[in-house]
């Protein structure tokens, strides 16, 4: 299996299902979610936004299949603001679609656009039921809004949504891999936990050869995402303590946002310079973080 050149800030979910080489898996996922039986992977046009930003602000996967524009996100922590983010992603994707297809927004005839279908695949440790997240829940006041966005959140943790997993084998295998890493992490560090999980993948798994053939990239993605989850939790706790000490909720929000953005830039710099082994350490060692902020001139 040849190594695929891919931005190492991608999530494993997007690497598996948003890769041009794996359109059959993308199609299988679409069919499982929508109850369809499309059979030609080449009908899929991948449109993923490719300017990655650390700390979960990247569009994981988007693609057009006939008349449907699909926006898929994977989340390891529950985020009630996904409708806002998906709304922003969709706006960028439609803008690109209109430009590429030379649509005239000023014509007297209505232009035809693909139907948006927004899905979040949740696999965090917090117990969550499948649900519909709505943009209107974020609006203040009681006036009926003229804009609504609905996001279908689906729990893809191992052992959940059996019918969906049965309909999409690559998704079931991805779910197994994430769960095995999580179990291994109880007794070993994240590096070893990922290695052991990959090595233990059953030989009949469809994703096995791709994962092993791109093991370095896959391992980095898993470690980075694990660190992201831990880091976000750390900044929530630190921000909460600082905010309570000062007496403001605003202090909590600013502490989380500023600290997460700064650490995200540092981790991106470490990855870009091949210093992967330092990524996990900086999430727990404040003195090391401060020293590296100075080294990379991150303010």
C-alpha atoms as a PDB file:
ATOM      1  CA  UNK A   1       0.000   0.000   0.000  1.00  0.00           C
ATOM      2  CA  UNK A   2       1.644   3.287  -1.056  1.00  0.00           C
ATOM      3  CA  UNK A   3       1.927   6.113   1.422  1.00  0.00           C
ATOM      4  CA  UNK A   4      -0.557   8.911   0.780  1.00  0.00           C
ATOM      5  CA  UNK A   5       0.799  12.426   1.210  1.00  0.00           C
ATOM      6  CA  UNK A   6      -1.654  14.087   3.544  1.00  0.00           C
ATOM      7  CA  UNK A   7      -1.659  17.030   5.936  1.00  0.00           C
ATOM      8  CA  UNK A   8      -0.825  15.586   9.351  1.00  0.00           C
ATOM      9  CA  UNK A   9      -3.345  17.888  11.031  1.00  0.00           C
ATOM     10  CA  UNK A  10      -6.162  15.842   9.521  1.00  0.00           C
ATOM     11  CA  UNK A  11      -8.247  13.591  11.721  1.00  0.00           C
ATOM     12  CA  UNK A  12      -8.136   9.867  11.125  1.00  0.00           C
ATOM     13  CA  UNK A  13     -11.835   9.922  10.209  1.00  0.00           C
ATOM     14  CA  UNK A  14     -11.206  12.373   7.365  1.00  0.00           C
ATOM     15  CA  UNK A  15      -8.064  10.520   6.299  1.00  0.00           C
ATOM     16  CA  UNK A  16     -10.051   7.298   5.904  1.00  0.00           C
ATOM     17  CA  UNK A  17     -13.308   8.542   4.425  1.00  0.00           C
ATOM     18  CA  UNK A  18     -12.206  11.742   2.676  1.00  0.00           C
ATOM     19  CA  UNK A  19      -9.368  10.256   0.677  1.00  0.00           C
ATOM     20  CA  UNK A  20      -9.693  10.007  -3.091  1.00  0.00           C
ATOM     21  CA  UNK A  21      -8.234   6.490  -2.849  1.00  0.00           C
ATOM     22  CA  UNK A  22     -11.059   5.400  -0.533  1.00  0.00           C
ATOM     23  CA  UNK A  23     -14.187   6.655  -2.298  1.00  0.00           C
ATOM     24  CA  UNK A  24     -15.750   3.214  -1.974  1.00  0.00           C
ATOM     25  CA  UNK A  25     -15.674   3.651   1.801  1.00  0.00           C
ATOM     26  CA  UNK A  26     -17.118   7.160   1.484  1.00  0.00           C
ATOM     27  CA  UNK A  27     -19.950   5.774  -0.604  1.00  0.00           C
ATOM     28  CA  UNK A  28     -20.532   2.959   1.879  1.00  0.00           C
ATOM     29  CA  UNK A  29     -20.806   5.532   4.669  1.00  0.00           C
ATOM     30  CA  UNK A  30     -23.247   7.663   2.671  1.00  0.00           C
ATOM     31  CA  UNK A  31     -25.418   4.637   1.870  1.00  0.00           C
ATOM     32  CA  UNK A  32     -25.443   3.557   5.521  1.00  0.00           C
ATOM     33  CA  UNK A  33     -26.463   6.999   6.774  1.00  0.00           C
ATOM     34  CA  UNK A  34     -29.129   7.586   4.131  1.00  0.00           C
ATOM     35  CA  UNK A  35     -30.449   4.081   3.449  1.00  0.00           C
ATOM     36  CA  UNK A  36     -29.467   4.256  -0.225  1.00  0.00           C
ATOM     37  CA  UNK A  37     -27.795   1.716  -2.489  1.00  0.00           C
ATOM     38  CA  UNK A  38     -25.568   3.729  -4.808  1.00  0.00           C
ATOM     39  CA  UNK A  39     -22.815   1.570  -6.303  1.00  0.00           C
ATOM     40  CA  UNK A  40     -20.387   3.787  -8.247  1.00  0.00           C
ATOM     41  CA  UNK A  41     -17.792   5.519  -6.022  1.00  0.00           C
ATOM     42  CA  UNK A  42     -16.727   7.710  -8.952  1.00  0.00           C
ATOM     43  CA  UNK A  43     -20.043   9.550  -8.670  1.00  0.00           C
ATOM     44  CA  UNK A  44     -18.628  11.174  -5.535  1.00  0.00           C
ATOM     45  CA  UNK A  45     -16.961  14.579  -5.817  1.00  0.00           C
ATOM     46  CA  UNK A  46     -14.930  15.308  -2.681  1.00  0.00           C
ATOM     47  CA  UNK A  47     -15.087  19.015  -1.750  1.00  0.00           C
ATOM     48  CA  UNK A  48     -13.453  19.068   1.696  1.00  0.00           C
ATOM     49  CA  UNK A  49     -12.184  22.466   2.829  1.00  0.00           C
ATOM     50  CA  UNK A  50      -8.449  21.917   2.993  1.00  0.00           C
ATOM     51  CA  UNK A  51      -7.111  24.847   5.030  1.00  0.00           C
ATOM     52  CA  UNK A  52      -6.696  22.981   8.306  1.00  0.00           C
ATOM     53  CA  UNK A  53      -6.718  24.742  11.662  1.00  0.00           C
ATOM     54  CA  UNK A  54      -5.844  22.877  14.848  1.00  0.00           C
ATOM     55  CA  UNK A  55      -8.281  22.486  17.748  1.00  0.00           C
ATOM     56  CA  UNK A  56     -11.163  21.108  15.746  1.00  0.00           C
ATOM     57  CA  UNK A  57     -11.871  23.989  13.366  1.00  0.00           C
ATOM     58  CA  UNK A  58     -11.285  21.988  10.214  1.00  0.00           C
ATOM     59  CA  UNK A  59     -13.953  20.648   7.891  1.00  0.00           C
ATOM     60  CA  UNK A  60     -13.386  16.877   8.178  1.00  0.00           C
ATOM     61  CA  UNK A  61     -15.193  15.720   5.052  1.00  0.00           C
ATOM     62  CA  UNK A  62     -17.533  17.179   2.477  1.00  0.00           C
ATOM     63  CA  UNK A  63     -18.589  15.721  -0.854  1.00  0.00           C
ATOM     64  CA  UNK A  64     -21.282  16.023  -3.466  1.00  0.00           C
ATOM     65  CA  UNK A  65     -23.169  12.966  -4.640  1.00  0.00           C
ATOM     66  CA  UNK A  66     -25.633  13.798  -7.397  1.00  0.00           C
ATOM     67  CA  UNK A  67     -27.908  16.489  -5.913  1.00  0.00           C
ATOM     68  CA  UNK A  68     -26.734  16.233  -2.271  1.00  0.00           C
ATOM     69  CA  UNK A  69     -23.945  18.245  -0.621  1.00  0.00           C
ATOM     70  CA  UNK A  70     -22.769  16.281   2.414  1.00  0.00           C
ATOM     71  CA  UNK A  71     -20.861  17.819   5.310  1.00  0.00           C
ATOM     72  CA  UNK A  72     -19.521  15.192   7.719  1.00  0.00           C
ATOM     73  CA  UNK A  73     -17.675  15.961  10.948  1.00  0.00           C
ATOM     74  CA  UNK A  74     -16.180  13.637  13.553  1.00  0.00           C
ATOM     75  CA  UNK A  75     -16.094  14.884  17.140  1.00  0.00           C
ATOM     76  CA  UNK A  76     -14.301  13.373  20.142  1.00  0.00           C
ATOM     77  CA  UNK A  77     -15.883  15.929  22.468  1.00  0.00           C
ATOM     78  CA  UNK A  78     -19.501  17.039  22.342  1.00  0.00           C
ATOM     79  CA  UNK A  79     -19.839  20.484  20.787  1.00  0.00           C
ATOM     80  CA  UNK A  80     -23.285  22.126  20.796  1.00  0.00           C
ATOM     81  CA  UNK A  81     -21.967  24.794  18.402  1.00  0.00           C
ATOM     82  CA  UNK A  82     -21.668  22.409  15.465  1.00  0.00           C
ATOM     83  CA  UNK A  83     -24.699  23.969  13.698  1.00  0.00           C
ATOM     84  CA  UNK A  84     -22.872  27.321  13.666  1.00  0.00           C
ATOM     85  CA  UNK A  85     -19.693  25.759  12.339  1.00  0.00           C
ATOM     86  CA  UNK A  86     -21.507  23.661   9.753  1.00  0.00           C
ATOM     87  CA  UNK A  87     -23.429  26.749   8.675  1.00  0.00           C
ATOM     88  CA  UNK A  88     -20.115  28.544   8.097  1.00  0.00           C
ATOM     89  CA  UNK A  89     -18.628  25.555   6.238  1.00  0.00           C
ATOM     90  CA  UNK A  90     -21.728  25.258   4.077  1.00  0.00           C
ATOM     91  CA  UNK A  91     -21.548  28.939   3.148  1.00  0.00           C
ATOM     92  CA  UNK A  92     -17.975  28.528   1.941  1.00  0.00           C
ATOM     93  CA  UNK A  93     -18.816  25.373   0.018  1.00  0.00           C
ATOM     94  CA  UNK A  94     -21.822  26.930  -1.703  1.00  0.00           C
ATOM     95  CA  UNK A  95     -19.751  29.981  -2.588  1.00  0.00           C
ATOM     96  CA  UNK A  96     -17.194  27.706  -4.221  1.00  0.00           C
ATOM     97  CA  UNK A  97     -19.923  25.688  -5.958  1.00  0.00           C
ATOM     98  CA  UNK A  98     -21.475  28.840  -7.402  1.00  0.00           C
ATOM     99  CA  UNK A  99     -18.131  30.072  -8.704  1.00  0.00           C
ATOM    100  CA  UNK A 100     -17.039  26.731 -10.176  1.00  0.00           C
ATOM    101  CA  UNK A 101     -20.389  26.243 -11.921  1.00  0.00           C
ATOM    102  CA  UNK A 102     -20.605  29.884 -13.069  1.00  0.00           C
ATOM    103  CA  UNK A 103     -24.008  30.354 -11.461  1.00  0.00           C
ATOM    104  CA  UNK A 104     -25.553  33.772 -11.975  1.00  0.00           C
ATOM    105  CA  UNK A 105     -27.128  34.933  -8.713  1.00  0.00           C
ATOM    106  CA  UNK A 106     -28.657  37.937 -10.440  1.00  0.00           C
ATOM    107  CA  UNK A 107     -30.643  36.101 -13.081  1.00  0.00           C
ATOM    108  CA  UNK A 108     -34.437  36.151 -13.035  1.00  0.00           C
ATOM    109  CA  UNK A 109     -34.424  32.335 -12.926  1.00  0.00           C
ATOM    110  CA  UNK A 110     -33.770  30.456  -9.720  1.00  0.00           C
ATOM    111  CA  UNK A 111     -30.455  28.619  -9.710  1.00  0.00           C
ATOM    112  CA  UNK A 112     -30.419  24.995  -8.582  1.00  0.00           C
ATOM    113  CA  UNK A 113     -28.162  24.014  -5.700  1.00  0.00           C
ATOM    114  CA  UNK A 114     -27.345  20.638  -4.123  1.00  0.00           C
ATOM    115  CA  UNK A 115     -29.275  19.793  -0.950  1.00  0.00           C
ATOM    116  CA  UNK A 116     -27.207  20.163   2.247  1.00  0.00           C
ATOM    117  CA  UNK A 117     -27.041  17.153   4.588  1.00  0.00           C
ATOM    118  CA  UNK A 118     -25.093  17.807   7.782  1.00  0.00           C
ATOM    119  CA  UNK A 119     -23.865  14.999  10.027  1.00  0.00           C
ATOM    120  CA  UNK A 120     -21.660  14.848  13.114  1.00  0.00           C
ATOM    121  CA  UNK A 121     -20.209  11.453  14.024  1.00  0.00           C
ATOM    122  CA  UNK A 122     -19.611  11.517  17.777  1.00  0.00           C
ATOM    123  CA  UNK A 123     -17.170   9.137  19.478  1.00  0.00           C
ATOM    124  CA  UNK A 124     -16.290  10.857  22.744  1.00  0.00           C
ATOM    125  CA  UNK A 125     -16.328   9.288  26.192  1.00  0.00           C
ATOM    126  CA  UNK A 126     -19.340  11.275  27.400  1.00  0.00           C
ATOM    127  CA  UNK A 127     -22.531   9.240  27.079  1.00  0.00           C
ATOM    128  CA  UNK A 128     -24.575  10.832  24.296  1.00  0.00           C
ATOM    129  CA  UNK A 129     -27.698   9.791  22.434  1.00  0.00           C
ATOM    130  CA  UNK A 130     -28.266  10.434  18.753  1.00  0.00           C
ATOM    131  CA  UNK A 131     -29.895  13.822  18.414  1.00  0.00           C
ATOM    132  CA  UNK A 132     -30.594  16.782  16.153  1.00  0.00           C
ATOM    133  CA  UNK A 133     -28.613  19.945  16.906  1.00  0.00           C
ATOM    134  CA  UNK A 134     -30.239  23.187  15.771  1.00  0.00           C
ATOM    135  CA  UNK A 135     -28.780  26.589  15.017  1.00  0.00           C
ATOM    136  CA  UNK A 136     -31.887  28.270  16.425  1.00  0.00           C
ATOM    137  CA  UNK A 137     -30.920  27.062  19.914  1.00  0.00           C
ATOM    138  CA  UNK A 138     -28.034  29.569  19.789  1.00  0.00           C
ATOM    139  CA  UNK A 139     -30.222  32.591  18.975  1.00  0.00           C
ATOM    140  CA  UNK A 140     -31.127  34.972  21.786  1.00  0.00           C
ATOM    141  CA  UNK A 141     -34.636  36.230  22.315  1.00  0.00           C
ATOM    142  CA  UNK A 142     -37.981  34.720  21.344  1.00  0.00           C
ATOM    143  CA  UNK A 143     -38.356  36.075  17.810  1.00  0.00           C
ATOM    144  CA  UNK A 144     -38.703  33.382  15.159  1.00  0.00           C
ATOM    145  CA  UNK A 145     -35.448  33.287  13.156  1.00  0.00           C
ATOM    146  CA  UNK A 146     -35.357  33.336   9.370  1.00  0.00           C
ATOM    147  CA  UNK A 147     -32.403  30.937   9.294  1.00  0.00           C
ATOM    148  CA  UNK A 148     -32.326  27.390  10.635  1.00  0.00           C
ATOM    149  CA  UNK A 149     -29.635  24.718  10.403  1.00  0.00           C
ATOM    150  CA  UNK A 150     -30.109  21.134  11.545  1.00  0.00           C
ATOM    151  CA  UNK A 151     -27.200  18.793  12.224  1.00  0.00           C
ATOM    152  CA  UNK A 152     -27.777  15.092  12.709  1.00  0.00           C
ATOM    153  CA  UNK A 153     -25.459  13.854  15.480  1.00  0.00           C
ATOM    154  CA  UNK A 154     -24.805  10.097  15.427  1.00  0.00           C
ATOM    155  CA  UNK A 155     -22.966   8.191  18.153  1.00  0.00           C
ATOM    156  CA  UNK A 156     -20.378   5.936  16.490  1.00  0.00           C
ATOM    157  CA  UNK A 157     -18.699   4.613  19.613  1.00  0.00           C
ATOM    158  CA  UNK A 158     -17.984   0.890  19.560  1.00  0.00           C
ATOM    159  CA  UNK A 159     -21.180  -0.990  20.409  1.00  0.00           C
ATOM    160  CA  UNK A 160     -23.515   1.834  19.320  1.00  0.00           C
ATOM    161  CA  UNK A 161     -25.791   2.010  16.256  1.00  0.00           C
ATOM    162  CA  UNK A 162     -25.478  -1.633  15.271  1.00  0.00           C
ATOM    163  CA  UNK A 163     -27.469  -1.300  12.055  1.00  0.00           C
ATOM    164  CA  UNK A 164     -25.357   1.600  10.847  1.00  0.00           C
ATOM    165  CA  UNK A 165     -22.145  -0.293  11.604  1.00  0.00           C
ATOM    166  CA  UNK A 166     -23.480  -3.388   9.883  1.00  0.00           C
ATOM    167  CA  UNK A 167     -24.228  -1.319   6.779  1.00  0.00           C
ATOM    168  CA  UNK A 168     -20.754   0.291   6.681  1.00  0.00           C
ATOM    169  CA  UNK A 169     -17.919  -2.077   7.523  1.00  0.00           C
ATOM    170  CA  UNK A 170     -15.137   0.567   7.328  1.00  0.00           C
ATOM    171  CA  UNK A 171     -17.005   2.686   9.902  1.00  0.00           C
ATOM    172  CA  UNK A 172     -17.355  -0.309  12.219  1.00  0.00           C
ATOM    173  CA  UNK A 173     -13.633  -1.000  11.878  1.00  0.00           C
ATOM    174  CA  UNK A 174     -12.764   2.631  12.580  1.00  0.00           C
ATOM    175  CA  UNK A 175     -14.962   2.475  15.680  1.00  0.00           C
ATOM    176  CA  UNK A 176     -13.151  -0.676  16.834  1.00  0.00           C
ATOM    177  CA  UNK A 177      -9.739   0.967  16.347  1.00  0.00           C
ATOM    178  CA  UNK A 178     -10.679   4.062  18.367  1.00  0.00           C
ATOM    179  CA  UNK A 179     -12.065   1.894  21.180  1.00  0.00           C
ATOM    180  CA  UNK A 180      -8.971  -0.316  21.250  1.00  0.00           C
ATOM    181  CA  UNK A 181      -6.699   2.749  21.504  1.00  0.00           C
ATOM    182  CA  UNK A 182      -8.868   4.050  24.342  1.00  0.00           C
ATOM    183  CA  UNK A 183      -8.653   0.732  26.196  1.00  0.00           C
ATOM    184  CA  UNK A 184      -4.889   0.488  25.704  1.00  0.00           C
ATOM    185  CA  UNK A 185      -4.445   4.023  26.989  1.00  0.00           C
ATOM    186  CA  UNK A 186      -5.560   2.897  30.465  1.00  0.00           C
ATOM    187  CA  UNK A 187      -2.309   0.971  30.997  1.00  0.00           C
ATOM    188  CA  UNK A 188       0.176   2.513  28.533  1.00  0.00           C
ATOM    189  CA  UNK A 189       1.221   5.827  27.007  1.00  0.00           C
ATOM    190  CA  UNK A 190      -0.530   7.088  23.901  1.00  0.00           C
ATOM    191  CA  UNK A 191       2.309   6.147  21.535  1.00  0.00           C
ATOM    192  CA  UNK A 192       2.285   2.508  22.609  1.00  0.00           C
ATOM    193  CA  UNK A 193      -1.520   2.468  22.813  1.00  0.00           C
ATOM    194  CA  UNK A 194      -1.814   3.430  19.138  1.00  0.00           C
ATOM    195  CA  UNK A 195       0.900   0.999  18.025  1.00  0.00           C
ATOM    196  CA  UNK A 196      -0.691  -1.906  19.877  1.00  0.00           C
ATOM    197  CA  UNK A 197      -4.148  -1.124  18.509  1.00  0.00           C
ATOM    198  CA  UNK A 198      -2.944  -0.954  14.904  1.00  0.00           C
ATOM    199  CA  UNK A 199      -0.938  -4.164  15.250  1.00  0.00           C
ATOM    200  CA  UNK A 200      -3.967  -5.933  16.730  1.00  0.00           C
ATOM    201  CA  UNK A 201      -6.331  -5.102  13.862  1.00  0.00           C
ATOM    202  CA  UNK A 202      -7.911  -8.308  12.484  1.00  0.00           C
ATOM    203  CA  UNK A 203      -6.469  -9.341   9.128  1.00  0.00           C
ATOM    204  CA  UNK A 204      -9.859  -9.321   7.415  1.00  0.00           C
ATOM    205  CA  UNK A 205     -10.505  -5.623   8.169  1.00  0.00           C
ATOM    206  CA  UNK A 206     -10.941  -3.555   5.017  1.00  0.00           C
ATOM    207  CA  UNK A 207      -9.080  -0.577   6.443  1.00  0.00           C
ATOM    208  CA  UNK A 208      -6.148  -2.630   7.782  1.00  0.00           C
ATOM    209  CA  UNK A 209      -3.819  -2.445   4.777  1.00  0.00           C
ATOM    210  CA  UNK A 210      -4.452   1.282   4.338  1.00  0.00           C
ATOM    211  CA  UNK A 211      -3.848   2.012   8.024  1.00  0.00           C
ATOM    212  CA  UNK A 212      -0.672  -0.088   8.170  1.00  0.00           C
ATOM    213  CA  UNK A 213       0.566   1.298   4.844  1.00  0.00           C
ATOM    214  CA  UNK A 214       0.212   4.811   6.253  1.00  0.00           C
ATOM    215  CA  UNK A 215       1.053   3.956   9.854  1.00  0.00           C
ATOM    216  CA  UNK A 216       3.233   7.002  10.539  1.00  0.00           C
ATOM    217  CA  UNK A 217       0.505   9.414   9.409  1.00  0.00           C
ATOM    218  CA  UNK A 218      -2.242   7.463  11.186  1.00  0.00           C
ATOM    219  CA  UNK A 219      -0.259   7.339  14.417  1.00  0.00           C
ATOM    220  CA  UNK A 220       0.399  11.085  14.343  1.00  0.00           C
ATOM    221  CA  UNK A 221      -3.287  11.810  13.716  1.00  0.00           C
ATOM    222  CA  UNK A 222      -4.391   9.589  16.605  1.00  0.00           C
ATOM    223  CA  UNK A 223      -1.854  11.107  19.007  1.00  0.00           C
ATOM    224  CA  UNK A 224      -2.670  14.662  17.921  1.00  0.00           C
ATOM    225  CA  UNK A 225      -6.405  14.127  18.350  1.00  0.00           C
ATOM    226  CA  UNK A 226      -5.899  12.492  21.734  1.00  0.00           C
ATOM    227  CA  UNK A 227      -3.766  15.440  22.828  1.00  0.00           C
ATOM    228  CA  UNK A 228      -6.382  17.838  21.469  1.00  0.00           C
ATOM    229  CA  UNK A 229      -9.073  16.308  23.663  1.00  0.00           C
ATOM    230  CA  UNK A 230      -6.826  16.363  26.737  1.00  0.00           C
ATOM    231  CA  UNK A 231      -5.719  19.920  25.998  1.00  0.00           C
ATOM    232  CA  UNK A 232      -9.245  21.245  25.605  1.00  0.00           C
ATOM    233  CA  UNK A 233     -10.185  19.658  28.932  1.00  0.00           C
ATOM    234  CA  UNK A 234      -7.097  21.119  30.587  1.00  0.00           C
ATOM    235  CA  UNK A 235      -7.868  24.624  29.366  1.00  0.00           C
ATOM    236  CA  UNK A 236     -11.489  24.298  30.433  1.00  0.00           C
ATOM    237  CA  UNK A 237     -10.336  23.457  33.950  1.00  0.00           C
ATOM    238  CA  UNK A 238      -7.655  26.164  34.043  1.00  0.00           C
ATOM    239  CA  UNK A 239      -9.991  28.740  32.541  1.00  0.00           C
ATOM    240  CA  UNK A 240     -12.733  27.831  35.008  1.00  0.00           C
ATOM    241  CA  UNK A 241     -10.360  28.252  37.970  1.00  0.00           C
ATOM    242  CA  UNK A 242      -9.068  31.603  36.728  1.00  0.00           C
ATOM    243  CA  UNK A 243     -12.545  32.838  35.902  1.00  0.00           C
ATOM    244  CA  UNK A 244     -13.948  31.893  39.288  1.00  0.00           C
ATOM    245  CA  UNK A 245     -10.988  33.471  41.071  1.00  0.00           C
ATOM    246  CA  UNK A 246     -11.624  36.748  39.240  1.00  0.00           C
ATOM    247  CA  UNK A 247     -15.361  36.431  39.432  1.00  0.00           C
ATOM    248  CA  UNK A 248     -16.120  36.448  35.734  1.00  0.00           C
ATOM    249  CA  UNK A 249     -17.546  33.925  33.268  1.00  0.00           C
ATOM    250  CA  UNK A 250     -15.803  35.955  30.583  1.00  0.00           C
ATOM    251  CA  UNK A 251     -12.455  34.995  32.069  1.00  0.00           C
ATOM    252  CA  UNK A 252     -13.305  31.342  31.571  1.00  0.00           C
ATOM    253  CA  UNK A 253     -14.216  31.772  27.927  1.00  0.00           C
ATOM    254  CA  UNK A 254     -11.194  33.920  27.094  1.00  0.00           C
ATOM    255  CA  UNK A 255      -8.820  31.594  28.930  1.00  0.00           C
ATOM    256  CA  UNK A 256     -10.030  28.620  26.919  1.00  0.00           C
ATOM    257  CA  UNK A 257     -10.010  30.401  23.564  1.00  0.00           C
ATOM    258  CA  UNK A 258      -6.650  32.137  23.876  1.00  0.00           C
ATOM    259  CA  UNK A 259      -4.826  29.203  25.450  1.00  0.00           C
ATOM    260  CA  UNK A 260      -6.177  26.683  22.953  1.00  0.00           C
ATOM    261  CA  UNK A 261      -5.276  28.860  19.961  1.00  0.00           C
ATOM    262  CA  UNK A 262      -1.734  29.451  21.252  1.00  0.00           C
ATOM    263  CA  UNK A 263      -1.096  25.796  22.031  1.00  0.00           C
ATOM    264  CA  UNK A 264      -2.568  24.790  18.680  1.00  0.00           C
ATOM    265  CA  UNK A 265      -0.035  26.974  16.875  1.00  0.00           C
ATOM    266  CA  UNK A 266       2.769  25.449  18.938  1.00  0.00           C
ATOM    267  CA  UNK A 267       1.718  21.878  18.167  1.00  0.00           C
ATOM    268  CA  UNK A 268       1.444  22.681  14.463  1.00  0.00           C
ATOM    269  CA  UNK A 269       4.986  24.109  14.593  1.00  0.00           C
ATOM    270  CA  UNK A 270       6.324  20.988  16.318  1.00  0.00           C
ATOM    271  CA  UNK A 271       4.679  18.705  13.763  1.00  0.00           C
ATOM    272  CA  UNK A 272       5.947  20.808  10.853  1.00  0.00           C
ATOM    273  CA  UNK A 273       9.488  20.536  12.242  1.00  0.00           C
ATOM    274  CA  UNK A 274       9.300  16.783  12.772  1.00  0.00           C
ATOM    275  CA  UNK A 275       9.344  17.039  16.570  1.00  0.00           C
ATOM    276  CA  UNK A 276       6.422  14.658  17.102  1.00  0.00           C
ATOM    277  CA  UNK A 277       7.752  13.247  20.389  1.00  0.00           C
ATOM    278  CA  UNK A 278       7.384  16.659  22.036  1.00  0.00           C
ATOM    279  CA  UNK A 279       3.694  17.040  21.149  1.00  0.00           C
ATOM    280  CA  UNK A 280       2.336  15.030  24.073  1.00  0.00           C
ATOM    281  CA  UNK A 281       4.770  16.565  26.573  1.00  0.00           C
ATOM    282  CA  UNK A 282       3.779  20.165  25.882  1.00  0.00           C
ATOM    283  CA  UNK A 283       0.154  19.466  26.795  1.00  0.00           C
ATOM    284  CA  UNK A 284       1.111  18.712  30.408  1.00  0.00           C
ATOM    285  CA  UNK A 285       4.396  20.588  31.012  1.00  0.00           C
ATOM    286  CA  UNK A 286       3.750  24.326  31.412  1.00  0.00           C
ATOM    287  CA  UNK A 287       7.442  25.272  31.659  1.00  0.00           C
ATOM    288  CA  UNK A 288       8.167  23.378  28.442  1.00  0.00           C
ATOM    289  CA  UNK A 289       5.279  25.168  26.728  1.00  0.00           C
ATOM    290  CA  UNK A 290       6.565  28.565  27.819  1.00  0.00           C
ATOM    291  CA  UNK A 291      10.068  27.786  26.567  1.00  0.00           C
ATOM    292  CA  UNK A 292       8.795  26.571  23.201  1.00  0.00           C
ATOM    293  CA  UNK A 293       6.495  29.584  22.814  1.00  0.00           C
ATOM    294  CA  UNK A 294       9.641  31.726  23.008  1.00  0.00           C
ATOM    295  CA  UNK A 295      11.592  29.430  20.672  1.00  0.00           C
ATOM    296  CA  UNK A 296       8.925  29.620  17.953  1.00  0.00           C
ATOM    297  CA  UNK A 297       8.035  33.257  18.741  1.00  0.00           C
ATOM    298  CA  UNK A 298       4.415  32.377  19.506  1.00  0.00           C
ATOM    299  CA  UNK A 299       2.786  35.196  21.444  1.00  0.00           C
END
